Amino acid sequence: MAIIVAGKLKLKRGTREEFIKKSLEAVSKARMLDACEDFSVSPDPLDENRVNIFEKWIARGPLDEFRNSGPDNDSFSLVEDFDVKEYEINS
């Protein structure tokens, strides 16, 4: 069963580029893993204080393992609000 993680983050005003730069390490590390089929942090085209998140993992275990070992660069301090959900899909 695959796991999709998708949603949006509302960032503190003027911090979107900083957030994306801080996300590059996590995106790069995730994409190198066989268990990660996709991982993206993208600027929203209409809202300069929003980024969109999309991840696809082959299973829950590798996702949890990545979250527990991923880089900690304090990027979450730039987030004001978020709406990110996980979906289990049969692939």
PDB file of N, CA and C in Angstrom:
ATOM      1  N   MET A   1       0.840  -1.179   0.000  1.00  0.00           N
ATOM      2  CA  MET A   1       0.000   0.000   0.000  1.00  0.00           C
ATOM      3  C   MET A   1       0.886   1.243   0.000  1.00  0.00           C
ATOM      4  N   ALA A   2       0.697   2.103  -0.969  1.00  0.00           N
ATOM      5  CA  ALA A   2       1.485   3.324  -1.080  1.00  0.00           C
ATOM      6  C   ALA A   2       0.882   4.420  -0.200  1.00  0.00           C
ATOM      7  N   ILE A   3       1.720   5.377   0.146  1.00  0.00           N
ATOM      8  CA  ILE A   3       1.294   6.520   0.956  1.00  0.00           C
ATOM      9  C   ILE A   3       1.522   7.797   0.152  1.00  0.00           C
ATOM     10  N   ILE A   4       0.485   8.609   0.043  1.00  0.00           N
ATOM     11  CA  ILE A   4       0.581   9.932  -0.569  1.00  0.00           C
ATOM     12  C   ILE A   4       0.479  10.954   0.556  1.00  0.00           C
ATOM     13  N   VAL A   5       1.378  11.909   0.559  1.00  0.00           N
ATOM     14  CA  VAL A   5       1.339  13.038   1.487  1.00  0.00           C
ATOM     15  C   VAL A   5       1.156  14.275   0.617  1.00  0.00           C
ATOM     16  N   ALA A   6       0.090  15.029   0.849  1.00  0.00           N
ATOM     17  CA  ALA A   6      -0.182  16.191   0.001  1.00  0.00           C
ATOM     18  C   ALA A   6      -0.842  17.295   0.816  1.00  0.00           C
ATOM     19  N   GLY A   7      -0.525  18.531   0.453  1.00  0.00           N
ATOM     20  CA  GLY A   7      -1.150  19.648   1.126  1.00  0.00           C
ATOM     21  C   GLY A   7      -0.425  20.949   0.892  1.00  0.00           C
ATOM     22  N   LYS A   8      -0.706  21.888   1.782  1.00  0.00           N
ATOM     23  CA  LYS A   8      -0.153  23.226   1.644  1.00  0.00           C
ATOM     24  C   LYS A   8       0.343  23.737   2.984  1.00  0.00           C
ATOM     25  N   LEU A   9       1.350  24.581   2.909  1.00  0.00           N
ATOM     26  CA  LEU A   9       1.882  25.260   4.080  1.00  0.00           C
ATOM     27  C   LEU A   9       1.743  26.759   3.866  1.00  0.00           C
ATOM     28  N   LYS A  10       1.203  27.451   4.849  1.00  0.00           N
ATOM     29  CA  LYS A  10       1.172  28.909   4.825  1.00  0.00           C
ATOM     30  C   LYS A  10       2.395  29.368   5.607  1.00  0.00           C
ATOM     31  N   LEU A  11       3.238  30.145   4.957  1.00  0.00           N
ATOM     32  CA  LEU A  11       4.503  30.569   5.567  1.00  0.00           C
ATOM     33  C   LEU A  11       4.417  31.993   6.082  1.00  0.00           C
ATOM     34  N   LYS A  12       5.307  32.312   6.994  1.00  0.00           N
ATOM     35  CA  LYS A  12       5.428  33.693   7.456  1.00  0.00           C
ATOM     36  C   LYS A  12       5.790  34.563   6.250  1.00  0.00           C
ATOM     37  N   ARG A  13       5.242  35.749   6.235  1.00  0.00           N
ATOM     38  CA  ARG A  13       5.415  36.665   5.109  1.00  0.00           C
ATOM     39  C   ARG A  13       6.898  36.815   4.729  1.00  0.00           C
ATOM     40  N   GLY A  14       7.153  36.638   3.447  1.00  0.00           N
ATOM     41  CA  GLY A  14       8.493  36.869   2.918  1.00  0.00           C
ATOM     42  C   GLY A  14       9.495  35.751   3.147  1.00  0.00           C
ATOM     43  N   THR A  15       9.052  34.581   3.578  1.00  0.00           N
ATOM     44  CA  THR A  15      10.007  33.510   3.888  1.00  0.00           C
ATOM     45  C   THR A  15       9.936  32.325   2.917  1.00  0.00           C
ATOM     46  N   ARG A  16       9.148  32.440   1.856  1.00  0.00           N
ATOM     47  CA  ARG A  16       8.959  31.291   0.967  1.00  0.00           C
ATOM     48  C   ARG A  16      10.272  30.806   0.366  1.00  0.00           C
ATOM     49  N   GLU A  17      11.076  31.683  -0.169  1.00  0.00           N
ATOM     50  CA  GLU A  17      12.338  31.269  -0.796  1.00  0.00           C
ATOM     51  C   GLU A  17      13.271  30.623   0.232  1.00  0.00           C
ATOM     52  N   GLU A  18      13.309  31.176   1.432  1.00  0.00           N
ATOM     53  CA  GLU A  18      14.123  30.587   2.500  1.00  0.00           C
ATOM     54  C   GLU A  18      13.619  29.182   2.836  1.00  0.00           C
ATOM     55  N   PHE A  19      12.298  29.022   2.917  1.00  0.00           N
ATOM     56  CA  PHE A  19      11.739  27.704   3.218  1.00  0.00           C
ATOM     57  C   PHE A  19      12.100  26.698   2.126  1.00  0.00           C
ATOM     58  N   ILE A  20      11.954  27.097   0.886  1.00  0.00           N
ATOM     59  CA  ILE A  20      12.274  26.188  -0.222  1.00  0.00           C
ATOM     60  C   ILE A  20      13.750  25.806  -0.189  1.00  0.00           C
ATOM     61  N   LYS A  21      14.622  26.770   0.048  1.00  0.00           N
ATOM     62  CA  LYS A  21      16.062  26.460   0.136  1.00  0.00           C
ATOM     63  C   LYS A  21      16.345  25.493   1.282  1.00  0.00           C
ATOM     64  N   LYS A  22      15.686  25.693   2.423  1.00  0.00           N
ATOM     65  CA  LYS A  22      15.883  24.789   3.562  1.00  0.00           C
ATOM     66  C   LYS A  22      15.310  23.405   3.281  1.00  0.00           C
ATOM     67  N   SER A  23      14.367  23.305   2.354  1.00  0.00           N
ATOM     68  CA  SER A  23      13.750  22.021   2.006  1.00  0.00           C
ATOM     69  C   SER A  23      14.591  21.196   1.036  1.00  0.00           C
ATOM     70  N   LEU A  24      15.523  21.817   0.344  1.00  0.00           N
ATOM     71  CA  LEU A  24      16.279  21.124  -0.701  1.00  0.00           C
ATOM     72  C   LEU A  24      16.990  19.875  -0.200  1.00  0.00           C
ATOM     73  N   GLU A  25      17.563  19.931   0.985  1.00  0.00           N
ATOM     74  CA  GLU A  25      18.273  18.770   1.511  1.00  0.00           C
ATOM     75  C   GLU A  25      17.315  17.598   1.735  1.00  0.00           C
ATOM     76  N   ALA A  26      16.169  17.869   2.329  1.00  0.00           N
ATOM     77  CA  ALA A  26      15.195  16.801   2.573  1.00  0.00           C
ATOM     78  C   ALA A  26      14.666  16.229   1.264  1.00  0.00           C
ATOM     79  N   VAL A  27      14.361  17.089   0.309  1.00  0.00           N
ATOM     80  CA  VAL A  27      13.864  16.624  -0.989  1.00  0.00           C
ATOM     81  C   VAL A  27      14.908  15.741  -1.655  1.00  0.00           C
ATOM     82  N   SER A  28      16.142  16.197  -1.658  1.00  0.00           N
ATOM     83  CA  SER A  28      17.226  15.436  -2.288  1.00  0.00           C
ATOM     84  C   SER A  28      17.435  14.082  -1.621  1.00  0.00           C
ATOM     85  N   LYS A  29      17.475  14.069  -0.303  1.00  0.00           N
ATOM     86  CA  LYS A  29      17.680  12.803   0.427  1.00  0.00           C
ATOM     87  C   LYS A  29      16.516  11.843   0.207  1.00  0.00           C
ATOM     88  N   ALA A  30      15.302  12.356   0.224  1.00  0.00           N
ATOM     89  CA  ALA A  30      14.141  11.493   0.023  1.00  0.00           C
ATOM     90  C   ALA A  30      14.158  10.874  -1.367  1.00  0.00           C
ATOM     91  N   ARG A  31      14.449  11.675  -2.370  1.00  0.00           N
ATOM     92  CA  ARG A  31      14.430  11.180  -3.746  1.00  0.00           C
ATOM     93  C   ARG A  31      15.512  10.138  -4.015  1.00  0.00           C
ATOM     94  N   MET A  32      16.547  10.098  -3.222  1.00  0.00           N
ATOM     95  CA  MET A  32      17.594   9.090  -3.395  1.00  0.00           C
ATOM     96  C   MET A  32      17.165   7.727  -2.852  1.00  0.00           C
ATOM     97  N   LEU A  33      16.114   7.690  -2.056  1.00  0.00           N
ATOM     98  CA  LEU A  33      15.646   6.439  -1.457  1.00  0.00           C
ATOM     99  C   LEU A  33      14.756   5.672  -2.430  1.00  0.00           C
ATOM    100  N   ASP A  34      14.971   4.376  -2.530  1.00  0.00           N
ATOM    101  CA  ASP A  34      14.135   3.540  -3.396  1.00  0.00           C
ATOM    102  C   ASP A  34      12.669   3.589  -2.976  1.00  0.00           C
ATOM    103  N   ALA A  35      12.420   3.770  -1.706  1.00  0.00           N
ATOM    104  CA  ALA A  35      11.050   3.770  -1.182  1.00  0.00           C
ATOM    105  C   ALA A  35      10.293   5.060  -1.476  1.00  0.00           C
ATOM    106  N   CYS A  36      10.995   6.080  -1.907  1.00  0.00           N
ATOM    107  CA  CYS A  36      10.362   7.367  -2.226  1.00  0.00           C
ATOM    108  C   CYS A  36      10.198   7.459  -3.740  1.00  0.00           C
ATOM    109  N   GLU A  37       8.955   7.482  -4.181  1.00  0.00           N
ATOM    110  CA  GLU A  37       8.679   7.583  -5.612  1.00  0.00           C
ATOM    111  C   GLU A  37       8.578   9.032  -6.077  1.00  0.00           C
ATOM    112  N   ASP A  38       8.291   9.943  -5.155  1.00  0.00           N
ATOM    113  CA  ASP A  38       8.260  11.365  -5.502  1.00  0.00           C
ATOM    114  C   ASP A  38       8.272  12.181  -4.216  1.00  0.00           C
ATOM    115  N   PHE A  39       8.844  13.369  -4.301  1.00  0.00           N
ATOM    116  CA  PHE A  39       8.908  14.282  -3.152  1.00  0.00           C
ATOM    117  C   PHE A  39       9.108  15.675  -3.732  1.00  0.00           C
ATOM    118  N   SER A  40       8.183  16.581  -3.430  1.00  0.00           N
ATOM    119  CA  SER A  40       8.261  17.914  -4.012  1.00  0.00           C
ATOM    120  C   SER A  40       7.767  18.967  -3.027  1.00  0.00           C
ATOM    121  N   VAL A  41       8.464  20.086  -2.998  1.00  0.00           N
ATOM    122  CA  VAL A  41       8.045  21.290  -2.288  1.00  0.00           C
ATOM    123  C   VAL A  41       8.054  22.387  -3.344  1.00  0.00           C
ATOM    124  N   SER A  42       6.874  22.919  -3.665  1.00  0.00           N
ATOM    125  CA  SER A  42       6.747  23.840  -4.793  1.00  0.00           C
ATOM    126  C   SER A  42       6.111  25.159  -4.383  1.00  0.00           C
ATOM    127  N   PRO A  43       6.610  26.264  -4.928  1.00  0.00           N
ATOM    128  CA  PRO A  43       5.966  27.547  -4.648  1.00  0.00           C
ATOM    129  C   PRO A  43       4.586  27.603  -5.298  1.00  0.00           C
ATOM    130  N   ASP A  44       3.622  28.126  -4.586  1.00  0.00           N
ATOM    131  CA  ASP A  44       2.289  28.299  -5.147  1.00  0.00           C
ATOM    132  C   ASP A  44       2.321  29.449  -6.160  1.00  0.00           C
ATOM    133  N   PRO A  45       1.689  29.287  -7.321  1.00  0.00           N
ATOM    134  CA  PRO A  45       1.774  30.343  -8.335  1.00  0.00           C
ATOM    135  C   PRO A  45       0.955  31.596  -8.030  1.00  0.00           C
ATOM    136  N   LEU A  46       0.026  31.517  -7.073  1.00  0.00           N
ATOM    137  CA  LEU A  46      -0.820  32.673  -6.775  1.00  0.00           C
ATOM    138  C   LEU A  46      -0.554  33.321  -5.428  1.00  0.00           C
ATOM    139  N   ASP A  47      -0.080  32.547  -4.473  1.00  0.00           N
ATOM    140  CA  ASP A  47       0.112  33.046  -3.108  1.00  0.00           C
ATOM    141  C   ASP A  47       1.594  33.000  -2.758  1.00  0.00           C
ATOM    142  N   GLU A  48       2.199  34.151  -2.589  1.00  0.00           N
ATOM    143  CA  GLU A  48       3.649  34.216  -2.344  1.00  0.00           C
ATOM    144  C   GLU A  48       4.057  33.730  -0.958  1.00  0.00           C
ATOM    145  N   ASN A  49       3.094  33.431  -0.108  1.00  0.00           N
ATOM    146  CA  ASN A  49       3.392  32.930   1.234  1.00  0.00           C
ATOM    147  C   ASN A  49       2.949  31.480   1.411  1.00  0.00           C
ATOM    148  N   ARG A  50       2.851  30.745   0.303  1.00  0.00           N
ATOM    149  CA  ARG A  50       2.382  29.357   0.347  1.00  0.00           C
ATOM    150  C   ARG A  50       3.298  28.459  -0.478  1.00  0.00           C
ATOM    151  N   VAL A  51       3.511  27.255   0.044  1.00  0.00           N
ATOM    152  CA  VAL A  51       4.161  26.202  -0.739  1.00  0.00           C
ATOM    153  C   VAL A  51       3.244  24.984  -0.722  1.00  0.00           C
ATOM    154  N   ASN A  52       3.344  24.196  -1.776  1.00  0.00           N
ATOM    155  CA  ASN A  52       2.570  22.969  -1.905  1.00  0.00           C
ATOM    156  C   ASN A  52       3.505  21.784  -1.720  1.00  0.00           C
ATOM    157  N   ILE A  53       3.016  20.782  -1.020  1.00  0.00           N
ATOM    158  CA  ILE A  53       3.804  19.600  -0.683  1.00  0.00           C
ATOM    159  C   ILE A  53       3.196  18.389  -1.389  1.00  0.00           C
ATOM    160  N   PHE A  54       4.044  17.553  -1.966  1.00  0.00           N
ATOM    161  CA  PHE A  54       3.590  16.281  -2.524  1.00  0.00           C
ATOM    162  C   PHE A  54       4.679  15.244  -2.296  1.00  0.00           C
ATOM    163  N   GLU A  55       4.284  14.110  -1.729  1.00  0.00           N
ATOM    164  CA  GLU A  55       5.206  12.983  -1.529  1.00  0.00           C
ATOM    165  C   GLU A  55       4.475  11.704  -1.891  1.00  0.00           C
ATOM    166  N   LYS A  56       5.217  10.749  -2.445  1.00  0.00           N
ATOM    167  CA  LYS A  56       4.675   9.412  -2.674  1.00  0.00           C
ATOM    168  C   LYS A  56       5.710   8.403  -2.211  1.00  0.00           C
ATOM    169  N   TRP A  57       5.278   7.534  -1.294  1.00  0.00           N
ATOM    170  CA  TRP A  57       6.138   6.512  -0.697  1.00  0.00           C
ATOM    171  C   TRP A  57       5.539   5.141  -0.963  1.00  0.00           C
ATOM    172  N   ILE A  58       6.374   4.126  -1.070  1.00  0.00           N
ATOM    173  CA  ILE A  58       5.872   2.785  -1.373  1.00  0.00           C
ATOM    174  C   ILE A  58       5.181   2.146  -0.173  1.00  0.00           C
ATOM    175  N   ALA A  59       5.478   2.626   1.040  1.00  0.00           N
ATOM    176  CA  ALA A  59       4.882   2.045   2.245  1.00  0.00           C
ATOM    177  C   ALA A  59       5.066   2.992   3.434  1.00  0.00           C
ATOM    178  N   ARG A  60       4.309   2.751   4.471  1.00  0.00           N
ATOM    179  CA  ARG A  60       4.358   3.569   5.691  1.00  0.00           C
ATOM    180  C   ARG A  60       5.718   3.503   6.389  1.00  0.00           C
ATOM    181  N   GLY A  61       6.295   2.307   6.500  1.00  0.00           N
ATOM    182  CA  GLY A  61       7.550   2.136   7.225  1.00  0.00           C
ATOM    183  C   GLY A  61       8.669   3.040   6.730  1.00  0.00           C
ATOM    184  N   PRO A  62       8.953   3.054   5.429  1.00  0.00           N
ATOM    185  CA  PRO A  62      10.019   3.929   4.934  1.00  0.00           C
ATOM    186  C   PRO A  62       9.734   5.418   5.141  1.00  0.00           C
ATOM    187  N   LEU A  63       8.469   5.810   5.043  1.00  0.00           N
ATOM    188  CA  LEU A  63       8.104   7.209   5.292  1.00  0.00           C
ATOM    189  C   LEU A  63       8.405   7.577   6.737  1.00  0.00           C
ATOM    190  N   ASP A  64       7.970   6.731   7.669  1.00  0.00           N
ATOM    191  CA  ASP A  64       8.226   7.001   9.084  1.00  0.00           C
ATOM    192  C   ASP A  64       9.718   7.020   9.385  1.00  0.00           C
ATOM    193  N   GLU A  65      10.449   6.099   8.789  1.00  0.00           N
ATOM    194  CA  GLU A  65      11.905   6.050   8.995  1.00  0.00           C
ATOM    195  C   GLU A  65      12.567   7.328   8.494  1.00  0.00           C
ATOM    196  N   PHE A  66      12.145   7.805   7.325  1.00  0.00           N
ATOM    197  CA  PHE A  66      12.708   9.046   6.791  1.00  0.00           C
ATOM    198  C   PHE A  66      12.387  10.224   7.709  1.00  0.00           C
ATOM    199  N   ARG A  67      11.167  10.312   8.150  1.00  0.00           N
ATOM    200  CA  ARG A  67      10.776  11.422   9.032  1.00  0.00           C
ATOM    201  C   ARG A  67      11.594  11.431  10.318  1.00  0.00           C
ATOM    202  N   ASN A  68      11.901  10.270  10.829  1.00  0.00           N
ATOM    203  CA  ASN A  68      12.672  10.190  12.069  1.00  0.00           C
ATOM    204  C   ASN A  68      14.161  10.412  11.868  1.00  0.00           C
ATOM    205  N   SER A  69      14.632  10.377  10.632  1.00  0.00           N
ATOM    206  CA  SER A  69      16.064  10.535  10.393  1.00  0.00           C
ATOM    207  C   SER A  69      16.397  11.715   9.487  1.00  0.00           C
ATOM    208  N   GLY A  70      15.374  12.404   8.990  1.00  0.00           N
ATOM    209  CA  GLY A  70      15.600  13.494   8.039  1.00  0.00           C
ATOM    210  C   GLY A  70      16.323  14.670   8.663  1.00  0.00           C
ATOM    211  N   PRO A  71      16.771  15.582   7.815  1.00  0.00           N
ATOM    212  CA  PRO A  71      17.502  16.755   8.309  1.00  0.00           C
ATOM    213  C   PRO A  71      16.613  17.653   9.171  1.00  0.00           C
ATOM    214  N   ASP A  72      17.191  18.220  10.194  1.00  0.00           N
ATOM    215  CA  ASP A  72      16.477  19.153  11.062  1.00  0.00           C
ATOM    216  C   ASP A  72      17.123  20.518  10.888  1.00  0.00           C
ATOM    217  N   ASN A  73      16.499  21.363  10.093  1.00  0.00           N
ATOM    218  CA  ASN A  73      17.071  22.674   9.800  1.00  0.00           C
ATOM    219  C   ASN A  73      16.174  23.811  10.266  1.00  0.00           C
ATOM    220  N   ASP A  74      15.245  23.505  11.149  1.00  0.00           N
ATOM    221  CA  ASP A  74      14.354  24.500  11.734  1.00  0.00           C
ATOM    222  C   ASP A  74      13.453  25.181  10.705  1.00  0.00           C
ATOM    223  N   SER A  75      13.190  24.532   9.578  1.00  0.00           N
ATOM    224  CA  SER A  75      12.333  25.137   8.566  1.00  0.00           C
ATOM    225  C   SER A  75      10.889  25.284   9.056  1.00  0.00           C
ATOM    226  N   PHE A  76      10.469  24.424   9.977  1.00  0.00           N
ATOM    227  CA  PHE A  76       9.089  24.514  10.461  1.00  0.00           C
ATOM    228  C   PHE A  76       8.831  25.821  11.217  1.00  0.00           C
ATOM    229  N   SER A  77       9.874  26.488  11.687  1.00  0.00           N
ATOM    230  CA  SER A  77       9.689  27.769  12.375  1.00  0.00           C
ATOM    231  C   SER A  77       9.179  28.849  11.418  1.00  0.00           C
ATOM    232  N   LEU A  78       9.271  28.603  10.106  1.00  0.00           N
ATOM    233  CA  LEU A  78       8.799  29.563   9.101  1.00  0.00           C
ATOM    234  C   LEU A  78       7.323  29.351   8.751  1.00  0.00           C
ATOM    235  N   VAL A  79       6.716  28.304   9.293  1.00  0.00           N
ATOM    236  CA  VAL A  79       5.342  27.934   8.949  1.00  0.00           C
ATOM    237  C   VAL A  79       4.361  28.574   9.929  1.00  0.00           C
ATOM    238  N   GLU A  80       3.348  29.262   9.377  1.00  0.00           N
ATOM    239  CA  GLU A  80       2.285  29.834  10.205  1.00  0.00           C
ATOM    240  C   GLU A  80       1.131  28.859  10.374  1.00  0.00           C
ATOM    241  N   ASP A  81       0.809  28.126   9.315  1.00  0.00           N
ATOM    242  CA  ASP A  81      -0.324  27.218   9.337  1.00  0.00           C
ATOM    243  C   ASP A  81      -0.097  26.157   8.267  1.00  0.00           C
ATOM    244  N   PHE A  82      -0.746  25.026   8.403  1.00  0.00           N
ATOM    245  CA  PHE A  82      -0.586  23.992   7.387  1.00  0.00           C
ATOM    246  C   PHE A  82      -1.823  23.128   7.289  1.00  0.00           C
ATOM    247  N   ASP A  83      -2.000  22.562   6.130  1.00  0.00           N
ATOM    248  CA  ASP A  83      -3.074  21.612   5.870  1.00  0.00           C
ATOM    249  C   ASP A  83      -2.463  20.521   4.988  1.00  0.00           C
ATOM    250  N   VAL A  84      -1.903  19.507   5.622  1.00  0.00           N
ATOM    251  CA  VAL A  84      -1.238  18.404   4.932  1.00  0.00           C
ATOM    252  C   VAL A  84      -1.885  17.112   5.410  1.00  0.00           C
ATOM    253  N   LYS A  85      -2.249  16.280   4.460  1.00  0.00           N
ATOM    254  CA  LYS A  85      -2.917  15.020   4.799  1.00  0.00           C
ATOM    255  C   LYS A  85      -2.171  13.854   4.175  1.00  0.00           C
ATOM    256  N   GLU A  86      -2.372  12.692   4.753  1.00  0.00           N
ATOM    257  CA  GLU A  86      -1.792  11.449   4.225  1.00  0.00           C
ATOM    258  C   GLU A  86      -2.921  10.577   3.720  1.00  0.00           C
ATOM    259  N   TYR A  87      -2.667   9.918   2.608  1.00  0.00           N
ATOM    260  CA  TYR A  87      -3.644   9.026   1.998  1.00  0.00           C
ATOM    261  C   TYR A  87      -2.987   7.683   1.711  1.00  0.00           C
ATOM    262  N   GLU A  88      -3.648   6.617   2.070  1.00  0.00           N
ATOM    263  CA  GLU A  88      -3.163   5.274   1.741  1.00  0.00           C
ATOM    264  C   GLU A  88      -3.872   4.845   0.457  1.00  0.00           C
ATOM    265  N   ILE A  89      -3.083   4.384  -0.504  1.00  0.00           N
ATOM    266  CA  ILE A  89      -3.671   3.965  -1.774  1.00  0.00           C
ATOM    267  C   ILE A  89      -3.166   2.578  -2.142  1.00  0.00           C
ATOM    268  N   ASN A  90      -3.983   1.864  -2.838  1.00  0.00           N
ATOM    269  CA  ASN A  90      -3.567   0.573  -3.377  1.00  0.00           C
ATOM    270  C   ASN A  90      -3.015   0.829  -4.776  1.00  0.00           C
ATOM    271  N   SER A  91      -1.784   0.428  -4.965  1.00  0.00           N
ATOM    272  CA  SER A  91      -1.183   0.701  -6.271  1.00  0.00           C
ATOM    273  C   SER A  91      -0.974  -0.557  -7.060  1.00  0.00           C
TER     274      SER A  91
END
